[in-house]
Amino acid sequence: MSNRILLALDGSPTDEAALAQARRIGVGGAEIHLLHAVPSRAVPVGAPLMGMVGAPEIHPVPVGAAGAEAHFEGSFPASLRGHKRAGESAMYDQALRYLEDFRRRLPGVHGQEIVRTGDPAEAILEAALTFNIDLIVMSTHARTALGEWLFGSVSRTVLLRSKLPVLLVRRGIPPPSRELRRVLVASDGSEASLSILPTMKALAARTGAEIILLLVANRSADVLVAARRFGDDTSVAFRMVVAEGRWSKQILLRARMEDVDVIAQSLGGRKRRSWISRATLPVLLQDTA
């Protein structure tokens, strides 16, 4: 689990931080596949490409590839139809060069560069299925929360439809300055909220990170359920912290106290996700429903 990572790059400055996050969670031999979605319509210069694409009706079909490490799929935008094929090739070459630049900063890490056109969420979902991806890393550019959601439409779609763990790197979060040491897993003690633990155990086993299970619960039964999920497993560094009080406050407080690198939570469980909009760390979420 988490041995095949898909890093979705949208052409924004946040890509640098997303790359650094993918690199450190990929420690221990994980593959990192790089994906860039070419927009299917014109976008403002400097705009995050994957966040601006809007053509979900396009059905990707293979149209070419360059080398064993590159894949290109999808129909070219309508604005390019009738133009010289050189123009199509230029669009592809530009996207591929962008991915190759990021690949050079992943020495010794195996993976493929994937260029696709069309709706960015669909591109991510299809690539995750095609390459049997275990974990997705992507940036989110939403400025304000929509209800409980901080995420943009692309990241929300990927979360809800992929059922895979998704590491979200919000705009403004700087690249990490150290290896992955500690991950805080927030739980209310319910089975649904603990369903993310197998993913986190596999990640911790490969990277050597410590899992801190934060149990914000008022019932002793919840504590016992959480303890049983780990049992006597000694393959990973693990400890459980039990706290009472407001859910959001406890998560953010413990993240600072424990000096964690990532906060993880299943989208199941009884608790809300309002803390995410105030988190200053990457957030790893999984919809296991």
Protein backbone atom coordinates (compact mmCIF):
# COMPACT_ATOMS: atom_id res chain seq x y z
CA MET A 1 0.00 0.00 0.00
CA SER A 2 1.19 3.56 -0.88
CA ASN A 3 4.00 2.11 -3.01
CA ARG A 4 2.66 3.80 -6.15
CA ILE A 5 2.14 7.54 -5.79
CA LEU A 6 0.50 9.82 -8.36
CA LEU A 7 1.69 13.43 -8.19
CA ALA A 8 -0.74 15.71 -10.04
CA LEU A 9 1.01 18.90 -11.18
CA ASP A 10 -1.15 21.80 -12.32
CA GLY A 11 1.46 24.34 -13.39
CA SER A 12 1.06 26.58 -10.33
CA PRO A 13 3.79 27.62 -7.84
CA THR A 14 2.30 25.13 -5.37
CA ASP A 15 3.72 22.33 -7.53
CA GLU A 16 7.10 22.82 -5.86
CA ALA A 17 5.69 22.12 -2.41
CA ALA A 18 3.65 19.19 -3.73
CA LEU A 19 6.79 17.67 -5.27
CA ALA A 20 8.66 17.96 -1.98
CA GLN A 21 5.79 16.32 -0.11
CA ALA A 22 5.59 13.46 -2.61
CA ARG A 23 9.34 12.96 -2.41
CA ARG A 24 9.39 12.56 1.34
CA ILE A 25 6.36 10.26 1.57
CA GLY A 26 7.88 8.22 -1.26
CA VAL A 27 10.99 7.39 0.75
CA GLY A 28 11.65 3.68 0.93
CA GLY A 29 11.18 2.71 -2.71
CA ALA A 30 7.77 4.02 -3.76
CA GLU A 31 7.15 4.81 -7.42
CA ILE A 32 6.13 8.40 -8.17
CA HIS A 33 4.17 8.96 -11.38
CA LEU A 34 3.84 12.55 -12.62
CA LEU A 35 0.64 13.81 -14.25
CA HIS A 36 -0.14 17.07 -16.01
CA ALA A 37 -3.49 17.83 -17.62
CA VAL A 38 -3.38 20.06 -20.70
CA PRO A 39 -6.29 22.56 -20.71
CA SER A 40 -8.99 22.05 -23.30
CA ARG A 41 -9.62 25.78 -23.63
CA ALA A 42 -7.64 28.96 -23.32
CA VAL A 43 -6.68 29.99 -19.78
CA PRO A 44 -5.10 33.18 -18.40
CA VAL A 45 -1.33 33.20 -18.38
CA GLY A 46 -0.05 31.92 -15.05
CA ALA A 47 -3.34 30.30 -14.02
CA PRO A 48 -3.18 26.78 -12.52
CA LEU A 49 -3.95 24.73 -15.61
CA MET A 50 -5.58 21.74 -13.92
CA GLY A 51 -7.88 24.03 -11.98
CA MET A 52 -9.05 25.82 -15.13
CA VAL A 53 -9.89 22.89 -17.39
CA GLY A 54 -13.57 22.44 -18.13
CA ALA A 55 -14.32 19.77 -20.71
CA PRO A 56 -15.45 16.59 -18.95
CA GLU A 57 -17.17 15.42 -22.11
CA ILE A 58 -13.82 14.64 -23.75
CA HIS A 59 -13.13 10.92 -23.77
CA PRO A 60 -9.36 10.29 -23.77
CA VAL A 61 -7.94 8.11 -26.52
CA PRO A 62 -4.25 7.32 -27.16
CA VAL A 63 -2.76 9.72 -29.67
CA GLY A 64 0.96 9.35 -29.12
CA ALA A 65 3.83 8.88 -26.71
CA ALA A 66 7.47 9.79 -26.43
CA GLY A 67 9.70 7.20 -24.85
CA ALA A 68 9.00 4.46 -22.36
CA GLU A 69 8.47 6.95 -19.55
CA ALA A 70 5.87 9.16 -21.24
CA HIS A 71 2.19 8.75 -22.06
CA PHE A 72 -0.10 11.18 -23.83
CA GLU A 73 -3.82 10.64 -24.00
CA GLY A 74 -6.82 12.73 -24.90
CA SER A 75 -8.27 14.87 -27.67
CA PHE A 76 -6.67 18.19 -28.38
CA PRO A 77 -8.73 21.33 -27.65
CA ALA A 78 -11.17 22.50 -30.29
CA SER A 79 -9.15 25.70 -30.67
CA LEU A 80 -6.29 23.66 -32.12
CA ARG A 81 -8.32 21.64 -34.60
CA GLY A 82 -7.42 22.58 -38.14
CA HIS A 83 -4.05 23.95 -37.09
CA LYS A 84 -0.82 22.29 -38.08
CA ARG A 85 0.05 19.14 -36.27
CA ALA A 86 3.22 20.95 -35.23
CA GLY A 87 1.04 23.04 -32.95
CA GLU A 88 -0.33 19.94 -31.29
CA SER A 89 3.15 18.55 -30.91
CA ALA A 90 4.32 21.81 -29.34
CA MET A 91 1.59 21.63 -26.69
CA TYR A 92 2.52 18.07 -25.86
CA ASP A 93 6.25 18.80 -25.85
CA GLN A 94 5.79 21.75 -23.52
CA ALA A 95 3.79 19.67 -21.04
CA LEU A 96 6.27 16.80 -21.24
CA ARG A 97 9.24 19.12 -20.66
CA TYR A 98 7.47 20.45 -17.58
CA LEU A 99 7.14 16.93 -16.17
CA GLU A 100 10.68 15.98 -17.15
CA ASP A 101 11.99 18.98 -15.21
CA PHE A 102 10.26 17.64 -12.10
CA ARG A 103 11.49 14.11 -12.84
CA ARG A 104 15.10 15.31 -12.77
CA ARG A 105 14.52 16.32 -9.16
CA LEU A 106 13.54 12.77 -8.28
CA PRO A 107 16.82 10.95 -8.91
CA GLY A 108 16.55 7.19 -8.50
CA VAL A 109 12.75 7.28 -8.21
CA HIS A 110 10.89 5.17 -10.77
CA GLY A 111 7.72 6.36 -12.43
CA GLN A 112 6.17 7.63 -15.64
CA GLU A 113 5.31 11.06 -16.99
CA ILE A 114 1.66 11.24 -18.01
CA VAL A 115 0.23 14.06 -20.14
CA ARG A 116 -3.52 14.19 -20.72
CA THR A 117 -6.15 16.61 -21.89
CA GLY A 118 -9.65 17.19 -20.65
CA ASP A 119 -11.17 17.56 -17.22
CA PRO A 120 -8.40 17.45 -14.58
CA ALA A 121 -10.35 15.37 -12.07
CA GLU A 122 -11.16 12.80 -14.72
CA ALA A 123 -7.51 12.76 -15.79
CA ILE A 124 -6.39 12.06 -12.22
CA LEU A 125 -9.01 9.38 -11.65
CA GLU A 126 -8.23 7.60 -14.90
CA ALA A 127 -4.47 7.71 -14.32
CA ALA A 128 -4.95 6.37 -10.80
CA LEU A 129 -6.88 3.43 -12.20
CA THR A 130 -4.56 2.79 -15.15
CA PHE A 131 -1.38 2.79 -13.08
CA ASN A 132 -2.88 1.06 -10.02
CA ILE A 133 -2.10 4.05 -7.81
CA ASP A 134 -2.19 3.73 -4.01
CA LEU A 135 -1.94 7.39 -2.99
CA ILE A 136 -2.50 10.74 -4.74
CA VAL A 137 -0.65 13.98 -4.03
CA MET A 138 -2.14 17.20 -5.35
CA SER A 139 -2.48 20.88 -4.55
CA THR A 140 -5.68 22.71 -3.74
CA HIS A 141 -6.29 26.35 -4.61
CA ALA A 142 -9.65 27.06 -2.97
CA ARG A 143 -9.57 30.37 -1.11
CA THR A 144 -12.52 29.78 1.22
CA ALA A 145 -14.36 26.82 2.62
CA LEU A 146 -17.59 25.70 1.02
CA GLY A 147 -19.51 24.48 4.02
CA GLU A 148 -17.06 22.10 5.66
CA TRP A 149 -14.90 21.84 2.54
CA LEU A 150 -11.76 23.84 1.97
CA PHE A 151 -11.10 22.02 -1.26
CA GLY A 152 -11.56 23.10 -4.84
CA SER A 153 -13.84 21.17 -7.14
CA VAL A 154 -11.00 19.04 -8.57
CA SER A 155 -9.65 17.83 -5.24
CA ARG A 156 -13.15 17.24 -3.88
CA THR A 157 -14.10 15.11 -6.89
CA VAL A 158 -10.90 13.09 -6.62
CA LEU A 159 -11.43 12.50 -2.90
CA LEU A 160 -15.01 11.36 -3.19
CA ARG A 161 -14.67 9.21 -6.30
CA SER A 162 -11.23 7.63 -6.01
CA LYS A 163 -11.62 6.24 -2.46
CA LEU A 164 -7.82 6.54 -2.31
CA PRO A 165 -5.83 8.48 0.28
CA VAL A 166 -5.19 11.98 -1.07
CA LEU A 167 -2.47 14.25 0.31
CA LEU A 168 -3.60 17.84 -0.21
CA VAL A 169 -1.03 20.63 -0.28
CA ARG A 170 -2.68 23.98 0.16
CA ARG A 171 -1.43 27.13 -1.46
CA GLY A 172 0.98 28.92 0.89
CA ILE A 173 2.31 25.79 2.61
CA PRO A 174 6.10 25.86 2.11
CA PRO A 175 8.10 22.81 1.00
CA PRO A 176 9.17 20.63 3.96
CA SER A 177 12.65 21.09 5.38
CA ARG A 178 13.02 17.60 6.86
CA GLU A 179 12.08 13.98 6.28
CA LEU A 180 8.71 12.60 7.34
CA ARG A 181 8.90 11.98 11.08
CA ARG A 182 5.43 12.04 12.59
CA VAL A 183 1.87 11.77 11.27
CA LEU A 184 -1.11 12.69 13.42
CA VAL A 185 -4.17 10.53 12.69
CA ALA A 186 -7.35 12.12 14.04
CA SER A 187 -10.11 9.75 15.14
CA ASP A 188 -13.33 9.87 17.14
CA GLY A 189 -13.00 6.17 17.99
CA SER A 190 -15.59 4.98 15.50
CA GLU A 191 -14.78 2.19 13.07
CA ALA A 192 -15.29 4.59 10.17
CA SER A 193 -12.78 7.09 11.48
CA LEU A 194 -10.24 4.31 12.10
CA SER A 195 -10.55 2.91 8.59
CA ILE A 196 -7.62 5.03 7.41
CA LEU A 197 -5.21 3.20 9.75
CA PRO A 198 -4.15 0.46 7.29
CA THR A 199 -3.07 3.16 4.85
CA MET A 200 -1.13 5.00 7.52
CA LYS A 201 0.51 1.84 8.86
CA ALA A 202 1.78 0.96 5.39
CA LEU A 203 3.11 4.48 4.89
CA ALA A 204 4.81 4.47 8.28
CA ALA A 205 6.36 1.04 7.70
CA ARG A 206 7.98 2.22 4.48
CA THR A 207 9.10 5.68 5.59
CA GLY A 208 9.92 4.97 9.23
CA ALA A 209 7.54 7.70 10.41
CA GLU A 210 5.76 7.52 13.74
CA ILE A 211 1.98 7.36 13.87
CA ILE A 212 0.31 9.36 16.62
CA LEU A 213 -3.33 8.35 16.90
CA LEU A 214 -5.26 11.24 18.42
CA LEU A 215 -8.46 9.91 19.90
CA VAL A 216 -10.90 12.68 20.74
CA ALA A 217 -13.57 10.67 22.47
CA ASN A 218 -15.62 10.65 25.64
CA ARG A 219 -16.38 6.94 25.75
CA SER A 220 -14.03 4.27 27.04
CA ALA A 221 -15.44 1.88 24.45
CA ASP A 222 -14.03 4.09 21.70
CA VAL A 223 -10.57 3.83 23.23
CA LEU A 224 -10.77 0.04 23.27
CA VAL A 225 -11.87 -0.08 19.64
CA ALA A 226 -8.93 2.08 18.61
CA ALA A 227 -6.46 0.01 20.61
CA ARG A 228 -7.67 -3.23 19.04
CA ARG A 229 -7.12 -1.87 15.54
CA PHE A 230 -3.38 -1.79 16.17
CA GLY A 231 -3.19 -4.69 18.58
CA ASP A 232 0.36 -5.92 19.17
CA ASP A 233 1.69 -4.72 15.82
CA THR A 234 5.33 -3.71 16.33
CA SER A 235 6.16 -3.10 12.67
CA VAL A 236 5.59 0.64 13.03
CA ALA A 237 6.23 3.26 15.70
CA PHE A 238 2.83 4.00 17.16
CA ARG A 239 1.31 5.69 20.18
CA MET A 240 -2.17 6.79 21.09
CA VAL A 241 -3.15 10.07 22.70
CA VAL A 242 -6.61 10.41 24.26
CA ALA A 243 -8.07 13.88 24.58
CA GLU A 244 -11.37 15.49 25.47
CA GLY A 245 -12.78 18.76 24.26
CA ARG A 246 -13.55 20.42 20.97
CA TRP A 247 -12.61 18.30 18.00
CA SER A 248 -11.01 21.04 15.87
CA LYS A 249 -9.17 22.63 18.75
CA GLN A 250 -7.66 19.34 19.91
CA ILE A 251 -6.42 18.38 16.43
CA LEU A 252 -4.68 21.69 15.80
CA LEU A 253 -3.32 21.87 19.34
CA ARG A 254 -1.89 18.34 19.30
CA ALA A 255 -0.41 18.86 15.84
CA ARG A 256 1.61 21.77 17.23
CA MET A 257 2.50 20.04 20.49
CA GLU A 258 3.70 16.87 18.75
CA ASP A 259 5.46 18.77 15.94
CA VAL A 260 3.88 16.56 13.29
CA ASP A 261 4.48 16.77 9.55
CA VAL A 262 1.07 15.65 8.24
CA ILE A 263 -2.44 15.44 9.67
CA ALA A 264 -4.54 12.50 8.46
CA GLN A 265 -8.24 11.76 8.82
CA SER A 266 -10.81 9.45 7.33
CA LEU A 267 -13.82 11.25 5.93
CA GLY A 268 -15.98 8.75 7.81
CA GLY A 269 -16.74 9.02 11.50
CA ARG A 270 -18.95 11.26 13.56
CA LYS A 271 -16.81 14.39 13.64
CA ARG A 272 -16.71 17.41 11.37
CA ARG A 273 -13.82 18.57 9.19
CA SER A 274 -13.89 22.28 9.98
CA TRP A 275 -10.31 22.15 11.31
CA ILE A 276 -8.96 21.64 7.79
CA SER A 277 -9.47 25.27 6.83
CA ARG A 278 -7.14 26.31 9.66
CA ALA A 279 -4.46 23.68 9.20
CA THR A 280 -0.99 24.92 8.26
CA LEU A 281 0.24 21.45 7.34
CA PRO A 282 -0.46 19.08 4.46
CA VAL A 283 -3.64 17.08 5.05
CA LEU A 284 -4.04 13.42 4.10
CA LEU A 285 -7.67 12.40 3.69
CA GLN A 286 -9.47 9.29 2.54
CA ASP A 287 -13.13 8.68 1.86
CA THR A 288 -13.62 5.07 2.90
CA ALA A 289 -17.42 5.13 2.86
